[in-house]
PDB file of N, CA and C in Angstrom:
ATOM      1  N   UNK A   1       4.144 -14.731  -7.409  1.00  0.00           N
ATOM      2  CA  UNK A   1       4.617 -14.440  -6.283  1.00  0.00           C
ATOM      3  C   UNK A   1       3.114 -15.534  -5.173  1.00  0.00           C
ATOM      4  N   UNK A   2       3.677 -16.002  -4.231  1.00  0.00           N
ATOM      5  CA  UNK A   2       2.323 -16.713  -3.542  1.00  0.00           C
ATOM      6  C   UNK A   2       1.286 -15.539  -2.744  1.00  0.00           C
ATOM      7  N   UNK A   3       0.238 -16.314  -2.392  1.00  0.00           N
ATOM      8  CA  UNK A   3      -0.781 -15.681  -1.790  1.00  0.00           C
ATOM      9  C   UNK A   3       0.285 -15.553  -0.138  1.00  0.00           C
ATOM     10  N   UNK A   4      -0.652 -13.790   0.207  1.00  0.00           N
ATOM     11  CA  UNK A   4      -0.185 -14.037   1.721  1.00  0.00           C
ATOM     12  C   UNK A   4      -1.219 -15.053   2.665  1.00  0.00           C
ATOM     13  N   UNK A   5      -1.342 -15.680   3.805  1.00  0.00           N
ATOM     14  CA  UNK A   5      -2.637 -16.276   4.637  1.00  0.00           C
ATOM     15  C   UNK A   5      -3.177 -15.195   4.807  1.00  0.00           C
ATOM     16  N   UNK A   6      -4.601 -15.446   5.110  1.00  0.00           N
ATOM     17  CA  UNK A   6      -5.464 -14.673   5.207  1.00  0.00           C
ATOM     18  C   UNK A   6      -5.866 -13.666   6.377  1.00  0.00           C
ATOM     19  N   UNK A   7      -4.988 -14.431   7.489  1.00  0.00           N
ATOM     20  CA  UNK A   7      -4.631 -13.796   8.735  1.00  0.00           C
ATOM     21  C   UNK A   7      -3.762 -12.807   8.572  1.00  0.00           C
ATOM     22  N   UNK A   8      -2.658 -12.948   7.351  1.00  0.00           N
ATOM     23  CA  UNK A   8      -1.949 -12.264   7.563  1.00  0.00           C
ATOM     24  C   UNK A   8      -2.220 -11.177   6.533  1.00  0.00           C
ATOM     25  N   UNK A   9      -3.351 -11.141   5.934  1.00  0.00           N
ATOM     26  CA  UNK A   9      -3.229  -9.944   4.774  1.00  0.00           C
ATOM     27  C   UNK A   9      -3.782  -8.600   5.131  1.00  0.00           C
ATOM     28  N   UNK A  10      -3.178  -7.539   4.640  1.00  0.00           N
ATOM     29  CA  UNK A  10      -3.555  -5.898   5.185  1.00  0.00           C
ATOM     30  C   UNK A  10      -4.565  -5.400   4.218  1.00  0.00           C
ATOM     31  N   UNK A  11      -5.163  -4.224   5.064  1.00  0.00           N
ATOM     32  CA  UNK A  11      -5.741  -3.111   4.326  1.00  0.00           C
ATOM     33  C   UNK A  11      -5.036  -2.417   4.482  1.00  0.00           C
ATOM     34  N   UNK A  12      -4.575  -1.428   3.414  1.00  0.00           N
ATOM     35  CA  UNK A  12      -3.035  -0.828   3.399  1.00  0.00           C
ATOM     36  C   UNK A  12      -3.815   0.647   2.626  1.00  0.00           C
ATOM     37  N   UNK A  13      -3.765   1.754   3.518  1.00  0.00           N
ATOM     38  CA  UNK A  13      -4.507   3.257   2.499  1.00  0.00           C
ATOM     39  C   UNK A  13      -3.156   4.043   2.157  1.00  0.00           C
ATOM     40  N   UNK A  14      -3.051   4.179   1.412  1.00  0.00           N
ATOM     41  CA  UNK A  14      -1.828   5.141   0.577  1.00  0.00           C
ATOM     42  C   UNK A  14      -2.497   6.599  -0.258  1.00  0.00           C
ATOM     43  N   UNK A  15      -1.476   7.476   0.235  1.00  0.00           N
ATOM     44  CA  UNK A  15      -1.690   8.632  -0.285  1.00  0.00           C
ATOM     45  C   UNK A  15      -0.414   8.630  -1.189  1.00  0.00           C
ATOM     46  N   UNK A  16      -0.962   9.597  -2.307  1.00  0.00           N
ATOM     47  CA  UNK A  16       0.326  10.111  -3.122  1.00  0.00           C
ATOM     48  C   UNK A  16       1.397  10.978  -2.279  1.00  0.00           C
ATOM     49  N   UNK A  17       2.427  10.706  -3.180  1.00  0.00           N
ATOM     50  CA  UNK A  17       3.138  10.042  -3.967  1.00  0.00           C
ATOM     51  C   UNK A  17       3.370   8.024  -3.760  1.00  0.00           C
ATOM     52  N   UNK A  18       3.115   7.986  -2.463  1.00  0.00           N
ATOM     53  CA  UNK A  18       3.314   6.363  -2.262  1.00  0.00           C
ATOM     54  C   UNK A  18       2.156   5.812  -2.764  1.00  0.00           C
ATOM     55  N   UNK A  19       1.145   6.242  -3.235  1.00  0.00           N
ATOM     56  CA  UNK A  19      -0.094   5.231  -3.510  1.00  0.00           C
ATOM     57  C   UNK A  19       0.460   5.236  -5.161  1.00  0.00           C
ATOM     58  N   UNK A  20       1.366   5.302  -5.507  1.00  0.00           N
ATOM     59  CA  UNK A  20       1.989   4.701  -6.743  1.00  0.00           C
ATOM     60  C   UNK A  20       2.891   4.280  -6.985  1.00  0.00           C
ATOM     61  N   UNK A  21       3.648   3.583  -6.099  1.00  0.00           N
ATOM     62  CA  UNK A  21       4.872   2.818  -5.906  1.00  0.00           C
ATOM     63  C   UNK A  21       4.355   1.414  -6.673  1.00  0.00           C
ATOM     64  N   UNK A  22       5.409   0.994  -7.062  1.00  0.00           N
ATOM     65  CA  UNK A  22       5.277  -0.453  -7.724  1.00  0.00           C
ATOM     66  C   UNK A  22       4.934  -1.237  -6.731  1.00  0.00           C
ATOM     67  N   UNK A  23       5.462  -1.287  -5.098  1.00  0.00           N
ATOM     68  CA  UNK A  23       5.933  -2.333  -4.380  1.00  0.00           C
ATOM     69  C   UNK A  23       4.296  -2.312  -3.816  1.00  0.00           C
ATOM     70  N   UNK A  24       3.239  -1.328  -4.062  1.00  0.00           N
ATOM     71  CA  UNK A  24       2.277  -1.825  -4.072  1.00  0.00           C
ATOM     72  C   UNK A  24       1.373  -2.392  -4.765  1.00  0.00           C
ATOM     73  N   UNK A  25       1.201  -2.756  -5.844  1.00  0.00           N
ATOM     74  CA  UNK A  25       1.199  -3.576  -6.703  1.00  0.00           C
ATOM     75  C   UNK A  25       1.590  -4.631  -6.885  1.00  0.00           C
ATOM     76  N   UNK A  26       2.540  -5.073  -5.827  1.00  0.00           N
ATOM     77  CA  UNK A  26       3.054  -6.488  -5.467  1.00  0.00           C
ATOM     78  C   UNK A  26       2.537  -6.443  -4.580  1.00  0.00           C
ATOM     79  N   UNK A  27       2.328  -5.697  -3.889  1.00  0.00           N
ATOM     80  CA  UNK A  27       1.725  -6.062  -2.510  1.00  0.00           C
ATOM     81  C   UNK A  27      -0.213  -6.609  -2.433  1.00  0.00           C
ATOM     82  N   UNK A  28      -0.805  -5.920  -3.395  1.00  0.00           N
ATOM     83  CA  UNK A  28      -1.781  -6.287  -4.300  1.00  0.00           C
ATOM     84  C   UNK A  28      -1.538  -8.124  -4.482  1.00  0.00           C
ATOM     85  N   UNK A  29      -0.931  -8.644  -5.394  1.00  0.00           N
ATOM     86  CA  UNK A  29      -0.712  -9.522  -6.011  1.00  0.00           C
ATOM     87  C   UNK A  29      -0.715 -10.699  -5.167  1.00  0.00           C
ATOM     88  N   UNK A  30      -0.175 -10.397  -4.034  1.00  0.00           N
ATOM     89  CA  UNK A  30       0.058 -11.188  -2.744  1.00  0.00           C
ATOM     90  C   UNK A  30      -1.145 -11.701  -1.939  1.00  0.00           C
ATOM     91  N   UNK A  31      -2.370 -10.464  -2.296  1.00  0.00           N
ATOM     92  CA  UNK A  31      -3.500 -10.944  -1.468  1.00  0.00           C
ATOM     93  C   UNK A  31      -4.075  -9.357  -0.448  1.00  0.00           C
ATOM     94  N   UNK A  32      -3.152  -8.908  -0.192  1.00  0.00           N
ATOM     95  CA  UNK A  32      -3.245  -7.097  -0.045  1.00  0.00           C
ATOM     96  C   UNK A  32      -4.344  -6.282  -0.231  1.00  0.00           C
ATOM     97  N   UNK A  33      -5.115  -6.070   0.236  1.00  0.00           N
ATOM     98  CA  UNK A  33      -5.935  -4.683   0.074  1.00  0.00           C
ATOM     99  C   UNK A  33      -5.441  -3.250  -0.080  1.00  0.00           C
ATOM    100  N   UNK A  34      -5.342  -2.901  -1.256  1.00  0.00           N
ATOM    101  CA  UNK A  34      -4.709  -0.795  -1.290  1.00  0.00           C
ATOM    102  C   UNK A  34      -5.845  -0.499  -1.654  1.00  0.00           C
ATOM    103  N   UNK A  35      -6.068   0.762  -0.565  1.00  0.00           N
ATOM    104  CA  UNK A  35      -6.166   1.829  -1.027  1.00  0.00           C
ATOM    105  C   UNK A  35      -6.250   2.827  -1.096  1.00  0.00           C
ATOM    106  N   UNK A  36      -6.257   3.212  -2.087  1.00  0.00           N
ATOM    107  CA  UNK A  36      -5.025   4.301  -2.752  1.00  0.00           C
ATOM    108  C   UNK A  36      -6.286   5.977  -2.684  1.00  0.00           C
ATOM    109  N   UNK A  37      -6.011   6.922  -2.075  1.00  0.00           N
ATOM    110  CA  UNK A  37      -6.684   8.450  -2.046  1.00  0.00           C
ATOM    111  C   UNK A  37      -5.615   9.163  -2.745  1.00  0.00           C
ATOM    112  N   UNK A  38      -6.492   9.858  -3.614  1.00  0.00           N
ATOM    113  CA  UNK A  38      -6.129  10.407  -4.963  1.00  0.00           C
ATOM    114  C   UNK A  38      -5.787  11.934  -4.695  1.00  0.00           C
ATOM    115  N   UNK A  39      -6.086  12.263  -3.127  1.00  0.00           N
ATOM    116  CA  UNK A  39      -5.444  13.573  -3.043  1.00  0.00           C
ATOM    117  C   UNK A  39      -3.900  14.002  -2.274  1.00  0.00           C
ATOM    118  N   UNK A  40      -3.395  15.050  -2.501  1.00  0.00           N
ATOM    119  CA  UNK A  40      -1.826  15.469  -1.781  1.00  0.00           C
ATOM    120  C   UNK A  40      -1.828  16.580  -1.235  1.00  0.00           C
ATOM    121  N   UNK A  41      -3.053  16.707  -0.534  1.00  0.00           N
ATOM    122  CA  UNK A  41      -3.254  18.192  -0.019  1.00  0.00           C
ATOM    123  C   UNK A  41      -2.842  18.168   1.347  1.00  0.00           C
ATOM    124  N   UNK A  42      -2.976  16.789   2.378  1.00  0.00           N
ATOM    125  CA  UNK A  42      -2.898  16.770   3.551  1.00  0.00           C
ATOM    126  C   UNK A  42      -1.652  16.595   4.325  1.00  0.00           C
ATOM    127  N   UNK A  43      -1.593  17.687   5.365  1.00  0.00           N
ATOM    128  CA  UNK A  43      -0.134  17.809   6.155  1.00  0.00           C
ATOM    129  C   UNK A  43      -0.038  17.390   7.272  1.00  0.00           C
ATOM    130  N   UNK A  44      -1.027  16.509   7.805  1.00  0.00           N
ATOM    131  CA  UNK A  44      -0.488  15.432   8.980  1.00  0.00           C
ATOM    132  C   UNK A  44      -1.981  14.587   8.739  1.00  0.00           C
ATOM    133  N   UNK A  45      -1.625  13.147   8.883  1.00  0.00           N
ATOM    134  CA  UNK A  45      -2.965  12.505   9.046  1.00  0.00           C
ATOM    135  C   UNK A  45      -3.119  11.704  10.297  1.00  0.00           C
ATOM    136  N   UNK A  46      -3.958  11.281  10.851  1.00  0.00           N
ATOM    137  CA  UNK A  46      -4.001  10.695  12.371  1.00  0.00           C
ATOM    138  C   UNK A  46      -4.486   9.846  12.102  1.00  0.00           C
ATOM    139  N   UNK A  47      -4.010   8.685  13.034  1.00  0.00           N
ATOM    140  CA  UNK A  47      -4.539   7.199  13.201  1.00  0.00           C
ATOM    141  C   UNK A  47      -3.841   6.440  13.427  1.00  0.00           C
ATOM    142  N   UNK A  48      -4.666   5.598  14.303  1.00  0.00           N
ATOM    143  CA  UNK A  48      -4.127   4.323  15.156  1.00  0.00           C
ATOM    144  C   UNK A  48      -2.812   3.494  14.596  1.00  0.00           C
ATOM    145  N   UNK A  49      -3.125   3.441  13.156  1.00  0.00           N
ATOM    146  CA  UNK A  49      -2.843   2.520  12.422  1.00  0.00           C
ATOM    147  C   UNK A  49      -1.602   3.301  11.467  1.00  0.00           C
ATOM    148  N   UNK A  50      -1.442   4.398  11.740  1.00  0.00           N
ATOM    149  CA  UNK A  50      -0.958   5.068  10.203  1.00  0.00           C
ATOM    150  C   UNK A  50       0.920   5.280  10.549  1.00  0.00           C
ATOM    151  N   UNK A  51       1.448   5.263   9.754  1.00  0.00           N
ATOM    152  CA  UNK A  51       3.340   5.090   9.381  1.00  0.00           C
ATOM    153  C   UNK A  51       3.318   5.965   8.722  1.00  0.00           C
ATOM    154  N   UNK A  52       4.542   6.503   8.785  1.00  0.00           N
ATOM    155  CA  UNK A  52       5.063   7.656   7.917  1.00  0.00           C
ATOM    156  C   UNK A  52       5.740   7.081   7.132  1.00  0.00           C
ATOM    157  N   UNK A  53       5.747   7.127   5.735  1.00  0.00           N
ATOM    158  CA  UNK A  53       6.114   6.365   4.369  1.00  0.00           C
ATOM    159  C   UNK A  53       6.532   7.641   3.521  1.00  0.00           C
ATOM    160  N   UNK A  54       7.644   8.391   3.676  1.00  0.00           N
ATOM    161  CA  UNK A  54       7.661   8.961   2.550  1.00  0.00           C
ATOM    162  C   UNK A  54       8.842   8.920   1.494  1.00  0.00           C
ATOM    163  N   UNK A  55       9.450   9.050   0.658  1.00  0.00           N
ATOM    164  CA  UNK A  55      10.289   8.542  -0.408  1.00  0.00           C
ATOM    165  C   UNK A  55      11.395   7.981   0.629  1.00  0.00           C
ATOM    166  N   UNK A  56      11.899   8.981   1.668  1.00  0.00           N
ATOM    167  CA  UNK A  56      13.454   8.558   1.941  1.00  0.00           C
ATOM    168  C   UNK A  56      13.153   7.353   3.039  1.00  0.00           C
ATOM    169  N   UNK A  57      11.965   6.935   3.373  1.00  0.00           N
ATOM    170  CA  UNK A  57      11.716   5.714   4.042  1.00  0.00           C
ATOM    171  C   UNK A  57      10.970   4.575   3.260  1.00  0.00           C
ATOM    172  N   UNK A  58      11.408   4.408   1.696  1.00  0.00           N
ATOM    173  CA  UNK A  58      10.512   3.591   1.480  1.00  0.00           C
ATOM    174  C   UNK A  58      11.266   2.508   1.155  1.00  0.00           C
ATOM    175  N   UNK A  59      12.687   2.507   1.649  1.00  0.00           N
ATOM    176  CA  UNK A  59      13.134   0.979   1.538  1.00  0.00           C
ATOM    177  C   UNK A  59      13.157   0.130   3.054  1.00  0.00           C
ATOM    178  N   UNK A  60      11.790   1.213   3.646  1.00  0.00           N
ATOM    179  CA  UNK A  60      11.376   0.030   4.915  1.00  0.00           C
ATOM    180  C   UNK A  60       9.943  -0.189   5.185  1.00  0.00           C
ATOM    181  N   UNK A  61       9.471  -0.310   4.044  1.00  0.00           N
ATOM    182  CA  UNK A  61       8.510  -0.515   3.496  1.00  0.00           C
ATOM    183  C   UNK A  61       8.123  -2.365   3.802  1.00  0.00           C
ATOM    184  N   UNK A  62       8.808  -3.134   3.538  1.00  0.00           N
ATOM    185  CA  UNK A  62       8.561  -3.751   4.015  1.00  0.00           C
ATOM    186  C   UNK A  62       8.560  -4.487   5.589  1.00  0.00           C
ATOM    187  N   UNK A  63       9.638  -3.237   6.538  1.00  0.00           N
ATOM    188  CA  UNK A  63       9.746  -3.885   7.655  1.00  0.00           C
ATOM    189  C   UNK A  63       8.021  -3.349   8.088  1.00  0.00           C
ATOM    190  N   UNK A  64       7.794  -2.337   7.592  1.00  0.00           N
ATOM    191  CA  UNK A  64       6.265  -1.841   8.492  1.00  0.00           C
ATOM    192  C   UNK A  64       5.359  -2.687   7.864  1.00  0.00           C
ATOM    193  N   UNK A  65       5.637  -3.707   6.655  1.00  0.00           N
ATOM    194  CA  UNK A  65       4.208  -4.292   6.554  1.00  0.00           C
ATOM    195  C   UNK A  65       4.915  -5.664   7.493  1.00  0.00           C
ATOM    196  N   UNK A  66       5.674  -6.055   7.765  1.00  0.00           N
ATOM    197  CA  UNK A  66       6.011  -7.273   8.715  1.00  0.00           C
ATOM    198  C   UNK A  66       5.492  -6.850  10.172  1.00  0.00           C
ATOM    199  N   UNK A  67       5.440  -5.543  10.546  1.00  0.00           N
ATOM    200  CA  UNK A  67       5.228  -5.136  12.231  1.00  0.00           C
ATOM    201  C   UNK A  67       3.404  -4.791  11.650  1.00  0.00           C
ATOM    202  N   UNK A  68       3.105  -4.245  10.279  1.00  0.00           N
ATOM    203  CA  UNK A  68       1.198  -4.410  10.663  1.00  0.00           C
ATOM    204  C   UNK A  68       0.911  -5.656  11.018  1.00  0.00           C
ATOM    205  N   UNK A  69       1.338  -6.837  10.128  1.00  0.00           N
ATOM    206  CA  UNK A  69       1.021  -8.047  10.517  1.00  0.00           C
ATOM    207  C   UNK A  69       1.056  -8.527  11.423  1.00  0.00           C
ATOM    208  N   UNK A  70       2.324  -8.696  12.300  1.00  0.00           N
ATOM    209  CA  UNK A  70       2.468  -8.769  13.472  1.00  0.00           C
ATOM    210  C   UNK A  70       1.508  -8.101  14.650  1.00  0.00           C
ATOM    211  N   UNK A  71       1.120  -6.931  14.563  1.00  0.00           N
ATOM    212  CA  UNK A  71       0.355  -5.791  14.957  1.00  0.00           C
ATOM    213  C   UNK A  71      -1.381  -6.427  14.992  1.00  0.00           C
ATOM    214  N   UNK A  72      -1.664  -7.282  13.735  1.00  0.00           N
ATOM    215  CA  UNK A  72      -2.786  -7.422  13.338  1.00  0.00           C
ATOM    216  C   UNK A  72      -2.940  -8.895  13.760  1.00  0.00           C
ATOM    217  N   UNK A  73      -2.177  -9.894  13.862  1.00  0.00           N
ATOM    218  CA  UNK A  73      -1.892 -11.014  14.887  1.00  0.00           C
ATOM    219  C   UNK A  73      -2.193 -10.954  16.461  1.00  0.00           C
ATOM    220  N   UNK A  74      -1.794  -9.425  16.850  1.00  0.00           N
ATOM    221  CA  UNK A  74      -1.491  -9.607  18.278  1.00  0.00           C
ATOM    222  C   UNK A  74      -3.284  -9.057  18.726  1.00  0.00           C
ATOM    223  N   UNK A  75      -3.733  -8.424  17.828  1.00  0.00           N
ATOM    224  CA  UNK A  75      -5.217  -7.961  17.926  1.00  0.00           C
ATOM    225  C   UNK A  75      -6.477  -9.413  18.678  1.00  0.00           C
TER     226      UNK A  75
END
């Protein structure tokens, strides 16, 4: 896999169970930073760059990555 250009590399924070998805390992290989959080008891996560990414939405992970890269580039 090719490396992602530095300007488009993301720092992604992932909570379980999404933190165990193999897609995240692929993103790491492309140069993104994955920070895995080890606890599952949060009912709500708040933040300016949060995305809901539960199992039923997993197919939209590539869309979320592209949107995050676009938002990062717009800053």
